[in-house]
Amino acid sequence: MEKFIFAFLVGGAICMLGQLLMDVFRLTPAHMTVSLVVVGAILGGLGLYEPLIKFAGAGASVPISSFGNSLVSGALDEAARNGIIGVLTAIFETPRAGISSAIIFGFLASLPFKPKG
């Protein structure tokens, strides 16, 4: 039961941070999304995001900040195996399922509608 509470609190805190970025600093949703991805990437690079995922579970792994962590963790793993070339060749290896799903389901969701422009 406490795992659900921690997931709710951490996920809510991440979402609250995004809402504050939009309200206080007048960021657009795109700027806020990029900011959360960059924060997740920085925390992942410093080794702080994985312990947060272990603590909060889906509360930390579902928000967009986890995407930044996935990019950096994939890049660091490949850098350890193949050097700097590994960073360039496999940065999208870890999050590829999420990226592919977003493209496919976005396309499928757009089929019943008429595009503008």
PDB file of N, CA and C in Angstrom:
ATOM      1  N   MET A   1       0.821  -1.201   0.000  1.00  0.00           N
ATOM      2  CA  MET A   1       0.000   0.000   0.000  1.00  0.00           C
ATOM      3  C   MET A   1       0.863   1.263   0.000  1.00  0.00           C
ATOM      4  N   GLU A   2       1.961   1.223   0.750  1.00  0.00           N
ATOM      5  CA  GLU A   2       2.796   2.432   0.813  1.00  0.00           C
ATOM      6  C   GLU A   2       3.479   2.724  -0.515  1.00  0.00           C
ATOM      7  N   LYS A   3       3.709   1.675  -1.334  1.00  0.00           N
ATOM      8  CA  LYS A   3       4.310   1.904  -2.658  1.00  0.00           C
ATOM      9  C   LYS A   3       3.389   2.751  -3.535  1.00  0.00           C
ATOM     10  N   PHE A   4       2.072   2.514  -3.424  1.00  0.00           N
ATOM     11  CA  PHE A   4       1.111   3.319  -4.171  1.00  0.00           C
ATOM     12  C   PHE A   4       1.140   4.776  -3.710  1.00  0.00           C
ATOM     13  N   ILE A   5       1.285   4.975  -2.432  1.00  0.00           N
ATOM     14  CA  ILE A   5       1.321   6.342  -1.889  1.00  0.00           C
ATOM     15  C   ILE A   5       2.565   7.067  -2.380  1.00  0.00           C
ATOM     16  N   PHE A   6       3.717   6.379  -2.334  1.00  0.00           N
ATOM     17  CA  PHE A   6       4.951   7.009  -2.809  1.00  0.00           C
ATOM     18  C   PHE A   6       4.869   7.305  -4.306  1.00  0.00           C
ATOM     19  N   ALA A   7       4.292   6.389  -5.077  1.00  0.00           N
ATOM     20  CA  ALA A   7       4.136   6.619  -6.521  1.00  0.00           C
ATOM     21  C   ALA A   7       3.238   7.825  -6.763  1.00  0.00           C
ATOM     22  N   PHE A   8       2.152   7.918  -6.026  1.00  0.00           N
ATOM     23  CA  PHE A   8       1.234   9.050  -6.168  1.00  0.00           C
ATOM     24  C   PHE A   8       1.922  10.362  -5.803  1.00  0.00           C
ATOM     25  N   LEU A   9       2.662  10.370  -4.705  1.00  0.00           N
ATOM     26  CA  LEU A   9       3.304  11.612  -4.250  1.00  0.00           C
ATOM     27  C   LEU A   9       4.414  12.055  -5.202  1.00  0.00           C
ATOM     28  N   VAL A  10       5.252  11.132  -5.633  1.00  0.00           N
ATOM     29  CA  VAL A  10       6.356  11.507  -6.529  1.00  0.00           C
ATOM     30  C   VAL A  10       5.824  11.893  -7.902  1.00  0.00           C
ATOM     31  N   GLY A  11       4.908  11.097  -8.457  1.00  0.00           N
ATOM     32  CA  GLY A  11       4.316  11.443  -9.747  1.00  0.00           C
ATOM     33  C   GLY A  11       3.581  12.775  -9.684  1.00  0.00           C
ATOM     34  N   GLY A  12       2.871  13.011  -8.592  1.00  0.00           N
ATOM     35  CA  GLY A  12       2.187  14.286  -8.406  1.00  0.00           C
ATOM     36  C   GLY A  12       3.155  15.445  -8.289  1.00  0.00           C
ATOM     37  N   ALA A  13       4.290  15.222  -7.618  1.00  0.00           N
ATOM     38  CA  ALA A  13       5.296  16.285  -7.480  1.00  0.00           C
ATOM     39  C   ALA A  13       5.911  16.635  -8.837  1.00  0.00           C
ATOM     40  N   ILE A  14       6.160  15.618  -9.668  1.00  0.00           N
ATOM     41  CA  ILE A  14       6.711  15.877 -11.001  1.00  0.00           C
ATOM     42  C   ILE A  14       5.703  16.660 -11.842  1.00  0.00           C
ATOM     43  N   CYS A  15       4.441  16.252 -11.777  1.00  0.00           N
ATOM     44  CA  CYS A  15       3.404  16.972 -12.530  1.00  0.00           C
ATOM     45  C   CYS A  15       3.211  18.386 -11.992  1.00  0.00           C
ATOM     46  N   MET A  16       3.296  18.540 -10.671  1.00  0.00           N
ATOM     47  CA  MET A  16       3.173  19.870 -10.072  1.00  0.00           C
ATOM     48  C   MET A  16       4.328  20.766 -10.530  1.00  0.00           C
ATOM     49  N   LEU A  17       5.522  20.207 -10.622  1.00  0.00           N
ATOM     50  CA  LEU A  17       6.667  20.969 -11.118  1.00  0.00           C
ATOM     51  C   LEU A  17       6.408  21.457 -12.546  1.00  0.00           C
ATOM     52  N   GLY A  18       5.871  20.575 -13.376  1.00  0.00           N
ATOM     53  CA  GLY A  18       5.540  20.976 -14.749  1.00  0.00           C
ATOM     54  C   GLY A  18       4.497  22.075 -14.787  1.00  0.00           C
ATOM     55  N   GLN A  19       3.480  21.963 -13.949  1.00  0.00           N
ATOM     56  CA  GLN A  19       2.437  22.997 -13.912  1.00  0.00           C
ATOM     57  C   GLN A  19       2.992  24.323 -13.400  1.00  0.00           C
ATOM     58  N   LEU A  20       3.879  24.267 -12.410  1.00  0.00           N
ATOM     59  CA  LEU A  20       4.507  25.502 -11.915  1.00  0.00           C
ATOM     60  C   LEU A  20       5.363  26.160 -12.981  1.00  0.00           C
ATOM     61  N   LEU A  21       6.082  25.344 -13.753  1.00  0.00           N
ATOM     62  CA  LEU A  21       6.882  25.907 -14.846  1.00  0.00           C
ATOM     63  C   LEU A  21       6.000  26.658 -15.833  1.00  0.00           C
ATOM     64  N   MET A  22       4.823  26.107 -16.102  1.00  0.00           N
ATOM     65  CA  MET A  22       3.925  26.770 -17.050  1.00  0.00           C
ATOM     66  C   MET A  22       3.276  28.010 -16.442  1.00  0.00           C
ATOM     67  N   ASP A  23       2.888  27.952 -15.173  1.00  0.00           N
ATOM     68  CA  ASP A  23       2.166  29.064 -14.557  1.00  0.00           C
ATOM     69  C   ASP A  23       3.080  30.198 -14.100  1.00  0.00           C
ATOM     70  N   VAL A  24       4.152  29.872 -13.412  1.00  0.00           N
ATOM     71  CA  VAL A  24       5.014  30.902 -12.837  1.00  0.00           C
ATOM     72  C   VAL A  24       5.944  31.510 -13.887  1.00  0.00           C
ATOM     73  N   PHE A  25       6.572  30.645 -14.679  1.00  0.00           N
ATOM     74  CA  PHE A  25       7.552  31.134 -15.650  1.00  0.00           C
ATOM     75  C   PHE A  25       6.952  31.342 -17.037  1.00  0.00           C
ATOM     76  N   ARG A  26       5.656  31.114 -17.170  1.00  0.00           N
ATOM     77  CA  ARG A  26       4.928  31.310 -18.424  1.00  0.00           C
ATOM     78  C   ARG A  26       5.540  30.513 -19.584  1.00  0.00           C
ATOM     79  N   LEU A  27       5.977  29.292 -19.274  1.00  0.00           N
ATOM     80  CA  LEU A  27       6.507  28.429 -20.321  1.00  0.00           C
ATOM     81  C   LEU A  27       5.357  27.803 -21.105  1.00  0.00           C
ATOM     82  N   THR A  28       5.594  27.578 -22.360  1.00  0.00           N
ATOM     83  CA  THR A  28       4.605  26.865 -23.168  1.00  0.00           C
ATOM     84  C   THR A  28       4.668  25.380 -22.801  1.00  0.00           C
ATOM     85  N   PRO A  29       3.638  24.607 -23.137  1.00  0.00           N
ATOM     86  CA  PRO A  29       3.708  23.170 -22.849  1.00  0.00           C
ATOM     87  C   PRO A  29       4.928  22.489 -23.487  1.00  0.00           C
ATOM     88  N   ALA A  30       5.318  22.929 -24.665  1.00  0.00           N
ATOM     89  CA  ALA A  30       6.497  22.339 -25.313  1.00  0.00           C
ATOM     90  C   ALA A  30       7.762  22.639 -24.515  1.00  0.00           C
ATOM     91  N   HIS A  31       7.917  23.881 -24.059  1.00  0.00           N
ATOM     92  CA  HIS A  31       9.094  24.236 -23.253  1.00  0.00           C
ATOM     93  C   HIS A  31       9.102  23.474 -21.932  1.00  0.00           C
ATOM     94  N   MET A  32       7.930  23.317 -21.319  1.00  0.00           N
ATOM     95  CA  MET A  32       7.846  22.594 -20.058  1.00  0.00           C
ATOM     96  C   MET A  32       8.223  21.130 -20.274  1.00  0.00           C
ATOM     97  N   THR A  33       7.750  20.527 -21.361  1.00  0.00           N
ATOM     98  CA  THR A  33       8.058  19.129 -21.643  1.00  0.00           C
ATOM     99  C   THR A  33       9.557  18.936 -21.845  1.00  0.00           C
ATOM    100  N   VAL A  34      10.155  19.811 -22.628  1.00  0.00           N
ATOM    101  CA  VAL A  34      11.600  19.733 -22.855  1.00  0.00           C
ATOM    102  C   VAL A  34      12.358  19.929 -21.545  1.00  0.00           C
ATOM    103  N   SER A  35      11.898  20.851 -20.714  1.00  0.00           N
ATOM    104  CA  SER A  35      12.549  21.084 -19.415  1.00  0.00           C
ATOM    105  C   SER A  35      12.520  19.826 -18.557  1.00  0.00           C
ATOM    106  N   LEU A  36      11.374  19.138 -18.513  1.00  0.00           N
ATOM    107  CA  LEU A  36      11.281  17.919 -17.708  1.00  0.00           C
ATOM    108  C   LEU A  36      12.151  16.800 -18.278  1.00  0.00           C
ATOM    109  N   VAL A  37      12.246  16.702 -19.601  1.00  0.00           N
ATOM    110  CA  VAL A  37      13.118  15.696 -20.205  1.00  0.00           C
ATOM    111  C   VAL A  37      14.577  15.986 -19.853  1.00  0.00           C
ATOM    112  N   VAL A  38      14.966  17.249 -19.906  1.00  0.00           N
ATOM    113  CA  VAL A  38      16.350  17.622 -19.593  1.00  0.00           C
ATOM    114  C   VAL A  38      16.653  17.361 -18.117  1.00  0.00           C
ATOM    115  N   VAL A  39      15.722  17.691 -17.230  1.00  0.00           N
ATOM    116  CA  VAL A  39      15.925  17.416 -15.801  1.00  0.00           C
ATOM    117  C   VAL A  39      16.064  15.918 -15.566  1.00  0.00           C
ATOM    118  N   GLY A  40      15.221  15.120 -16.221  1.00  0.00           N
ATOM    119  CA  GLY A  40      15.334  13.671 -16.094  1.00  0.00           C
ATOM    120  C   GLY A  40      16.661  13.156 -16.624  1.00  0.00           C
ATOM    121  N   ALA A  41      17.143  13.744 -17.723  1.00  0.00           N
ATOM    122  CA  ALA A  41      18.426  13.339 -18.291  1.00  0.00           C
ATOM    123  C   ALA A  41      19.576  13.690 -17.349  1.00  0.00           C
ATOM    124  N   ILE A  42      19.519  14.876 -16.770  1.00  0.00           N
ATOM    125  CA  ILE A  42      20.578  15.284 -15.837  1.00  0.00           C
ATOM    126  C   ILE A  42      20.578  14.396 -14.604  1.00  0.00           C
ATOM    127  N   LEU A  43      19.395  14.157 -14.044  1.00  0.00           N
ATOM    128  CA  LEU A  43      19.314  13.290 -12.867  1.00  0.00           C
ATOM    129  C   LEU A  43      19.756  11.866 -13.200  1.00  0.00           C
ATOM    130  N   GLY A  44      19.416  11.391 -14.398  1.00  0.00           N
ATOM    131  CA  GLY A  44      19.858  10.064 -14.818  1.00  0.00           C
ATOM    132  C   GLY A  44      21.365  10.002 -14.997  1.00  0.00           C
ATOM    133  N   GLY A  45      21.950  11.047 -15.569  1.00  0.00           N
ATOM    134  CA  GLY A  45      23.396  11.093 -15.754  1.00  0.00           C
ATOM    135  C   GLY A  45      24.151  11.138 -14.441  1.00  0.00           C
ATOM    136  N   LEU A  46      23.544  11.747 -13.434  1.00  0.00           N
ATOM    137  CA  LEU A  46      24.170  11.815 -12.106  1.00  0.00           C
ATOM    138  C   LEU A  46      23.880  10.570 -11.267  1.00  0.00           C
ATOM    139  N   GLY A  47      23.070   9.665 -11.817  1.00  0.00           N
ATOM    140  CA  GLY A  47      22.750   8.435 -11.088  1.00  0.00           C
ATOM    141  C   GLY A  47      21.682   8.616 -10.021  1.00  0.00           C
ATOM    142  N   LEU A  48      20.890   9.672 -10.121  1.00  0.00           N
ATOM    143  CA  LEU A  48      19.872   9.946  -9.104  1.00  0.00           C
ATOM    144  C   LEU A  48      18.470   9.511  -9.516  1.00  0.00           C
ATOM    145  N   TYR A  49      18.241   9.262 -10.799  1.00  0.00           N
ATOM    146  CA  TYR A  49      16.882   8.939 -11.232  1.00  0.00           C
ATOM    147  C   TYR A  49      16.520   7.483 -10.978  1.00  0.00           C
ATOM    148  N   GLU A  50      17.464   6.566 -11.133  1.00  0.00           N
ATOM    149  CA  GLU A  50      17.180   5.145 -10.876  1.00  0.00           C
ATOM    150  C   GLU A  50      16.762   4.896  -9.428  1.00  0.00           C
ATOM    151  N   PRO A  51      17.450   5.481  -8.427  1.00  0.00           N
ATOM    152  CA  PRO A  51      16.951   5.304  -7.058  1.00  0.00           C
ATOM    153  C   PRO A  51      15.550   5.887  -6.863  1.00  0.00           C
ATOM    154  N   LEU A  52      15.230   6.968  -7.580  1.00  0.00           N
ATOM    155  CA  LEU A  52      13.888   7.542  -7.498  1.00  0.00           C
ATOM    156  C   LEU A  52      12.861   6.567  -8.075  1.00  0.00           C
ATOM    157  N   ILE A  53      13.205   5.885  -9.158  1.00  0.00           N
ATOM    158  CA  ILE A  53      12.303   4.887  -9.740  1.00  0.00           C
ATOM    159  C   ILE A  53      12.129   3.710  -8.786  1.00  0.00           C
ATOM    160  N   LYS A  54      13.202   3.289  -8.139  1.00  0.00           N
ATOM    161  CA  LYS A  54      13.087   2.193  -7.171  1.00  0.00           C
ATOM    162  C   LYS A  54      12.222   2.588  -5.990  1.00  0.00           C
ATOM    163  N   PHE A  55      12.273   3.846  -5.592  1.00  0.00           N
ATOM    164  CA  PHE A  55      11.480   4.336  -4.472  1.00  0.00           C
ATOM    165  C   PHE A  55      10.015   4.526  -4.848  1.00  0.00           C
ATOM    166  N   ALA A  56       9.764   5.131  -6.009  1.00  0.00           N
ATOM    167  CA  ALA A  56       8.399   5.536  -6.355  1.00  0.00           C
ATOM    168  C   ALA A  56       7.758   4.679  -7.438  1.00  0.00           C
ATOM    169  N   GLY A  57       8.483   3.794  -8.057  1.00  0.00           N
ATOM    170  CA  GLY A  57       7.901   2.933  -9.086  1.00  0.00           C
ATOM    171  C   GLY A  57       7.349   3.740 -10.250  1.00  0.00           C
ATOM    172  N   ALA A  58       6.079   3.494 -10.593  1.00  0.00           N
ATOM    173  CA  ALA A  58       5.453   4.155 -11.736  1.00  0.00           C
ATOM    174  C   ALA A  58       5.339   5.661 -11.540  1.00  0.00           C
ATOM    175  N   GLY A  59       5.369   6.129 -10.321  1.00  0.00           N
ATOM    176  CA  GLY A  59       5.310   7.567 -10.079  1.00  0.00           C
ATOM    177  C   GLY A  59       6.488   8.305 -10.678  1.00  0.00           C
ATOM    178  N   ALA A  60       7.607   7.605 -10.845  1.00  0.00           N
ATOM    179  CA  ALA A  60       8.789   8.216 -11.452  1.00  0.00           C
ATOM    180  C   ALA A  60       9.067   7.686 -12.855  1.00  0.00           C
ATOM    181  N   SER A  61       8.551   6.500 -13.177  1.00  0.00           N
ATOM    182  CA  SER A  61       8.873   5.929 -14.487  1.00  0.00           C
ATOM    183  C   SER A  61       7.866   6.294 -15.572  1.00  0.00           C
ATOM    184  N   VAL A  62       6.688   6.784 -15.217  1.00  0.00           N
ATOM    185  CA  VAL A  62       5.681   7.134 -16.207  1.00  0.00           C
ATOM    186  C   VAL A  62       5.815   8.573 -16.727  1.00  0.00           C
ATOM    187  N   PRO A  63       6.105   9.572 -15.891  1.00  0.00           N
ATOM    188  CA  PRO A  63       6.199  10.945 -16.413  1.00  0.00           C
ATOM    189  C   PRO A  63       7.289  11.108 -17.466  1.00  0.00           C
ATOM    190  N   ILE A  64       7.200  12.194 -18.216  1.00  0.00           N
ATOM    191  CA  ILE A  64       8.102  12.460 -19.337  1.00  0.00           C
ATOM    192  C   ILE A  64       9.562  12.588 -18.900  1.00  0.00           C
ATOM    193  N   SER A  65       9.808  12.918 -17.653  1.00  0.00           N
ATOM    194  CA  SER A  65      11.186  13.015 -17.175  1.00  0.00           C
ATOM    195  C   SER A  65      11.897  11.672 -17.258  1.00  0.00           C
ATOM    196  N   SER A  66      11.152  10.585 -17.215  1.00  0.00           N
ATOM    197  CA  SER A  66      11.743   9.257 -17.348  1.00  0.00           C
ATOM    198  C   SER A  66      12.309   9.038 -18.752  1.00  0.00           C
ATOM    199  N   PHE A  67      11.749   9.721 -19.753  1.00  0.00           N
ATOM    200  CA  PHE A  67      12.270   9.608 -21.110  1.00  0.00           C
ATOM    201  C   PHE A  67      13.703  10.134 -21.176  1.00  0.00           C
ATOM    202  N   GLY A  68      13.958  11.261 -20.530  1.00  0.00           N
ATOM    203  CA  GLY A  68      15.320  11.796 -20.482  1.00  0.00           C
ATOM    204  C   GLY A  68      16.275  10.837 -19.794  1.00  0.00           C
ATOM    205  N   ASN A  69      15.804  10.219 -18.719  1.00  0.00           N
ATOM    206  CA  ASN A  69      16.611   9.229 -18.026  1.00  0.00           C
ATOM    207  C   ASN A  69      16.900   8.042 -18.934  1.00  0.00           C
ATOM    208  N   SER A  70      15.918   7.594 -19.701  1.00  0.00           N
ATOM    209  CA  SER A  70      16.121   6.464 -20.615  1.00  0.00           C
ATOM    210  C   SER A  70      17.163   6.783 -21.680  1.00  0.00           C
ATOM    211  N   LEU A  71      17.094   8.003 -22.221  1.00  0.00           N
ATOM    212  CA  LEU A  71      18.078   8.399 -23.235  1.00  0.00           C
ATOM    213  C   LEU A  71      19.492   8.369 -22.679  1.00  0.00           C
ATOM    214  N   VAL A  72      19.657   8.945 -21.489  1.00  0.00           N
ATOM    215  CA  VAL A  72      20.996   9.033 -20.906  1.00  0.00           C
ATOM    216  C   VAL A  72      21.496   7.664 -20.455  1.00  0.00           C
ATOM    217  N   SER A  73      20.623   6.858 -19.857  1.00  0.00           N
ATOM    218  CA  SER A  73      21.091   5.546 -19.399  1.00  0.00           C
ATOM    219  C   SER A  73      21.499   4.675 -20.582  1.00  0.00           C
ATOM    220  N   GLY A  74      20.745   4.742 -21.698  1.00  0.00           N
ATOM    221  CA  GLY A  74      21.144   3.998 -22.893  1.00  0.00           C
ATOM    222  C   GLY A  74      22.473   4.486 -23.442  1.00  0.00           C
ATOM    223  N   ALA A  75      22.657   5.795 -23.454  1.00  0.00           N
ATOM    224  CA  ALA A  75      23.912   6.363 -23.955  1.00  0.00           C
ATOM    225  C   ALA A  75      25.088   5.987 -23.064  1.00  0.00           C
ATOM    226  N   LEU A  76      24.889   6.019 -21.749  1.00  0.00           N
ATOM    227  CA  LEU A  76      25.979   5.665 -20.832  1.00  0.00           C
ATOM    228  C   LEU A  76      26.334   4.181 -20.918  1.00  0.00           C
ATOM    229  N   ASP A  77      25.330   3.332 -21.079  1.00  0.00           N
ATOM    230  CA  ASP A  77      25.601   1.896 -21.231  1.00  0.00           C
ATOM    231  C   ASP A  77      26.422   1.627 -22.483  1.00  0.00           C
ATOM    232  N   GLU A  78      26.022   2.248 -23.591  1.00  0.00           N
ATOM    233  CA  GLU A  78      26.758   2.047 -24.834  1.00  0.00           C
ATOM    234  C   GLU A  78      28.142   2.676 -24.780  1.00  0.00           C
ATOM    235  N   ALA A  79      28.281   3.792 -24.077  1.00  0.00           N
ATOM    236  CA  ALA A  79      29.597   4.414 -23.942  1.00  0.00           C
ATOM    237  C   ALA A  79      30.541   3.504 -23.169  1.00  0.00           C
ATOM    238  N   ALA A  80      30.004   2.804 -22.170  1.00  0.00           N
ATOM    239  CA  ALA A  80      30.837   1.884 -21.398  1.00  0.00           C
ATOM    240  C   ALA A  80      31.274   0.691 -22.251  1.00  0.00           C
ATOM    241  N   ARG A  81      30.405   0.250 -23.176  1.00  0.00           N
ATOM    242  CA  ARG A  81      30.727  -0.906 -24.013  1.00  0.00           C
ATOM    243  C   ARG A  81      31.552  -0.544 -25.231  1.00  0.00           C
ATOM    244  N   ASN A  82      31.182   0.549 -25.925  1.00  0.00           N
ATOM    245  CA  ASN A  82      31.779   0.843 -27.234  1.00  0.00           C
ATOM    246  C   ASN A  82      32.463   2.195 -27.321  1.00  0.00           C
ATOM    247  N   GLY A  83      32.597   2.893 -26.236  1.00  0.00           N
ATOM    248  CA  GLY A  83      33.229   4.205 -26.281  1.00  0.00           C
ATOM    249  C   GLY A  83      32.282   5.272 -26.811  1.00  0.00           C
ATOM    250  N   ILE A  84      32.839   6.358 -27.278  1.00  0.00           N
ATOM    251  CA  ILE A  84      32.037   7.505 -27.709  1.00  0.00           C
ATOM    252  C   ILE A  84      31.160   7.173 -28.911  1.00  0.00           C
ATOM    253  N   ILE A  85      31.586   6.261 -29.761  1.00  0.00           N
ATOM    254  CA  ILE A  85      30.771   5.859 -30.910  1.00  0.00           C
ATOM    255  C   ILE A  85      29.478   5.211 -30.430  1.00  0.00           C
ATOM    256  N   GLY A  86      29.538   4.478 -29.342  1.00  0.00           N
ATOM    257  CA  GLY A  86      28.339   3.853 -28.791  1.00  0.00           C
ATOM    258  C   GLY A  86      27.289   4.860 -28.377  1.00  0.00           C
ATOM    259  N   VAL A  87      27.722   6.009 -27.901  1.00  0.00           N
ATOM    260  CA  VAL A  87      26.777   7.066 -27.521  1.00  0.00           C
ATOM    261  C   VAL A  87      26.015   7.542 -28.746  1.00  0.00           C
ATOM    262  N   LEU A  88      26.716   7.734 -29.837  1.00  0.00           N
ATOM    263  CA  LEU A  88      26.091   8.253 -31.047  1.00  0.00           C
ATOM    264  C   LEU A  88      25.208   7.228 -31.744  1.00  0.00           C
ATOM    265  N   THR A  89      25.560   5.956 -31.662  1.00  0.00           N
ATOM    266  CA  THR A  89      24.821   4.941 -32.408  1.00  0.00           C
ATOM    267  C   THR A  89      23.636   4.353 -31.656  1.00  0.00           C
ATOM    268  N   ALA A  90      23.626   4.427 -30.339  1.00  0.00           N
ATOM    269  CA  ALA A  90      22.586   3.699 -29.599  1.00  0.00           C
ATOM    270  C   ALA A  90      21.848   4.544 -28.570  1.00  0.00           C
ATOM    271  N   ILE A  91      21.809   5.854 -28.737  1.00  0.00           N
ATOM    272  CA  ILE A  91      21.151   6.689 -27.741  1.00  0.00           C
ATOM    273  C   ILE A  91      19.646   6.409 -27.688  1.00  0.00           C
ATOM    274  N   PHE A  92      19.060   5.993 -28.810  1.00  0.00           N
ATOM    275  CA  PHE A  92      17.625   5.731 -28.831  1.00  0.00           C
ATOM    276  C   PHE A  92      17.296   4.243 -28.703  1.00  0.00           C
ATOM    277  N   GLU A  93      18.276   3.417 -28.375  1.00  0.00           N
ATOM    278  CA  GLU A  93      18.020   1.983 -28.274  1.00  0.00           C
ATOM    279  C   GLU A  93      17.081   1.652 -27.115  1.00  0.00           C
ATOM    280  N   THR A  94      17.284   2.240 -25.962  1.00  0.00           N
ATOM    281  CA  THR A  94      16.457   1.937 -24.794  1.00  0.00           C
ATOM    282  C   THR A  94      15.027   2.428 -24.955  1.00  0.00           C
ATOM    283  N   PRO A  95      14.788   3.684 -25.350  1.00  0.00           N
ATOM    284  CA  PRO A  95      13.398   4.165 -25.420  1.00  0.00           C
ATOM    285  C   PRO A  95      12.709   3.930 -26.762  1.00  0.00           C
ATOM    286  N   ARG A  96      13.267   3.062 -27.607  1.00  0.00           N
ATOM    287  CA  ARG A  96      12.706   2.922 -28.957  1.00  0.00           C
ATOM    288  C   ARG A  96      11.270   2.408 -28.958  1.00  0.00           C
ATOM    289  N   ALA A  97      10.899   1.561 -28.006  1.00  0.00           N
ATOM    290  CA  ALA A  97       9.514   1.061 -27.975  1.00  0.00           C
ATOM    291  C   ALA A  97       8.542   2.194 -27.696  1.00  0.00           C
ATOM    292  N   GLY A  98       8.894   3.085 -26.794  1.00  0.00           N
ATOM    293  CA  GLY A  98       8.018   4.223 -26.485  1.00  0.00           C
ATOM    294  C   GLY A  98       7.893   5.179 -27.651  1.00  0.00           C
ATOM    295  N   ILE A  99       9.003   5.438 -28.318  1.00  0.00           N
ATOM    296  CA  ILE A  99       8.981   6.337 -29.470  1.00  0.00           C
ATOM    297  C   ILE A  99       8.150   5.723 -30.601  1.00  0.00           C
ATOM    298  N   SER A 100       8.384   4.453 -30.880  1.00  0.00           N
ATOM    299  CA  SER A 100       7.629   3.780 -31.936  1.00  0.00           C
ATOM    300  C   SER A 100       6.141   3.756 -31.620  1.00  0.00           C
ATOM    301  N   SER A 101       5.795   3.455 -30.384  1.00  0.00           N
ATOM    302  CA  SER A 101       4.383   3.419 -29.989  1.00  0.00           C
ATOM    303  C   SER A 101       3.734   4.783 -30.153  1.00  0.00           C
ATOM    304  N   ALA A 102       4.431   5.833 -29.753  1.00  0.00           N
ATOM    305  CA  ALA A 102       3.873   7.178 -29.875  1.00  0.00           C
ATOM    306  C   ALA A 102       3.606   7.530 -31.332  1.00  0.00           C
ATOM    307  N   ILE A 103       4.522   7.177 -32.218  1.00  0.00           N
ATOM    308  CA  ILE A 103       4.339   7.474 -33.645  1.00  0.00           C
ATOM    309  C   ILE A 103       3.183   6.662 -34.220  1.00  0.00           C
ATOM    310  N   ILE A 104       3.154   5.369 -33.930  1.00  0.00           N
ATOM    311  CA  ILE A 104       2.115   4.495 -34.504  1.00  0.00           C
ATOM    312  C   ILE A 104       0.732   4.873 -33.976  1.00  0.00           C
ATOM    313  N   PHE A 105       0.594   5.020 -32.662  1.00  0.00           N
ATOM    314  CA  PHE A 105      -0.721   5.337 -32.101  1.00  0.00           C
ATOM    315  C   PHE A 105      -1.153   6.762 -32.441  1.00  0.00           C
ATOM    316  N   GLY A 106      -0.205   7.683 -32.563  1.00  0.00           N
ATOM    317  CA  GLY A 106      -0.537   9.030 -33.014  1.00  0.00           C
ATOM    318  C   GLY A 106      -1.076   9.022 -34.430  1.00  0.00           C
ATOM    319  N   PHE A 107      -0.446   8.229 -35.286  1.00  0.00           N
ATOM    320  CA  PHE A 107      -0.933   8.102 -36.664  1.00  0.00           C
ATOM    321  C   PHE A 107      -2.329   7.475 -36.692  1.00  0.00           C
ATOM    322  N   LEU A 108      -2.517   6.387 -35.951  1.00  0.00           N
ATOM    323  CA  LEU A 108      -3.819   5.719 -35.922  1.00  0.00           C
ATOM    324  C   LEU A 108      -4.927   6.630 -35.372  1.00  0.00           C
ATOM    325  N   ALA A 109      -4.580   7.418 -34.368  1.00  0.00           N
ATOM    326  CA  ALA A 109      -5.573   8.336 -33.791  1.00  0.00           C
ATOM    327  C   ALA A 109      -5.921   9.454 -34.766  1.00  0.00           C
ATOM    328  N   SER A 110      -5.024   9.784 -35.674  1.00  0.00           N
ATOM    329  CA  SER A 110      -5.289  10.872 -36.617  1.00  0.00           C
ATOM    330  C   SER A 110      -6.109  10.435 -37.829  1.00  0.00           C
ATOM    331  N   LEU A 111      -6.219   9.143 -38.070  1.00  0.00           N
ATOM    332  CA  LEU A 111      -6.915   8.665 -39.268  1.00  0.00           C
ATOM    333  C   LEU A 111      -8.366   9.115 -39.389  1.00  0.00           C
ATOM    334  N   PRO A 112      -9.165   9.115 -38.317  1.00  0.00           N
ATOM    335  CA  PRO A 112     -10.573   9.517 -38.496  1.00  0.00           C
ATOM    336  C   PRO A 112     -10.775  11.025 -38.678  1.00  0.00           C
ATOM    337  N   PHE A 113      -9.736  11.817 -38.547  1.00  0.00           N
ATOM    338  CA  PHE A 113      -9.895  13.275 -38.591  1.00  0.00           C
ATOM    339  C   PHE A 113      -9.306  13.848 -39.882  1.00  0.00           C
ATOM    340  N   LYS A 114      -9.797  15.018 -40.253  1.00  0.00           N
ATOM    341  CA  LYS A 114      -9.289  15.694 -41.442  1.00  0.00           C
ATOM    342  C   LYS A 114      -8.134  16.618 -41.028  1.00  0.00           C
ATOM    343  N   PRO A 115      -6.969  16.453 -41.641  1.00  0.00           N
ATOM    344  CA  PRO A 115      -5.856  17.331 -41.282  1.00  0.00           C
ATOM    345  C   PRO A 115      -6.097  18.759 -41.787  1.00  0.00           C
ATOM    346  N   LYS A 116      -5.555  19.702 -41.052  1.00  0.00           N
ATOM    347  CA  LYS A 116      -5.652  21.119 -41.453  1.00  0.00           C
ATOM    348  C   LYS A 116      -4.308  21.535 -42.019  1.00  0.00           C
ATOM    349  N   GLY A 117      -4.356  22.255 -43.135  1.00  0.00           N
ATOM    350  CA  GLY A 117      -3.133  22.805 -43.696  1.00  0.00           C
ATOM    351  C   GLY A 117      -2.490  22.058 -44.755  1.00  0.00           C
TER     352      GLY A 117
END
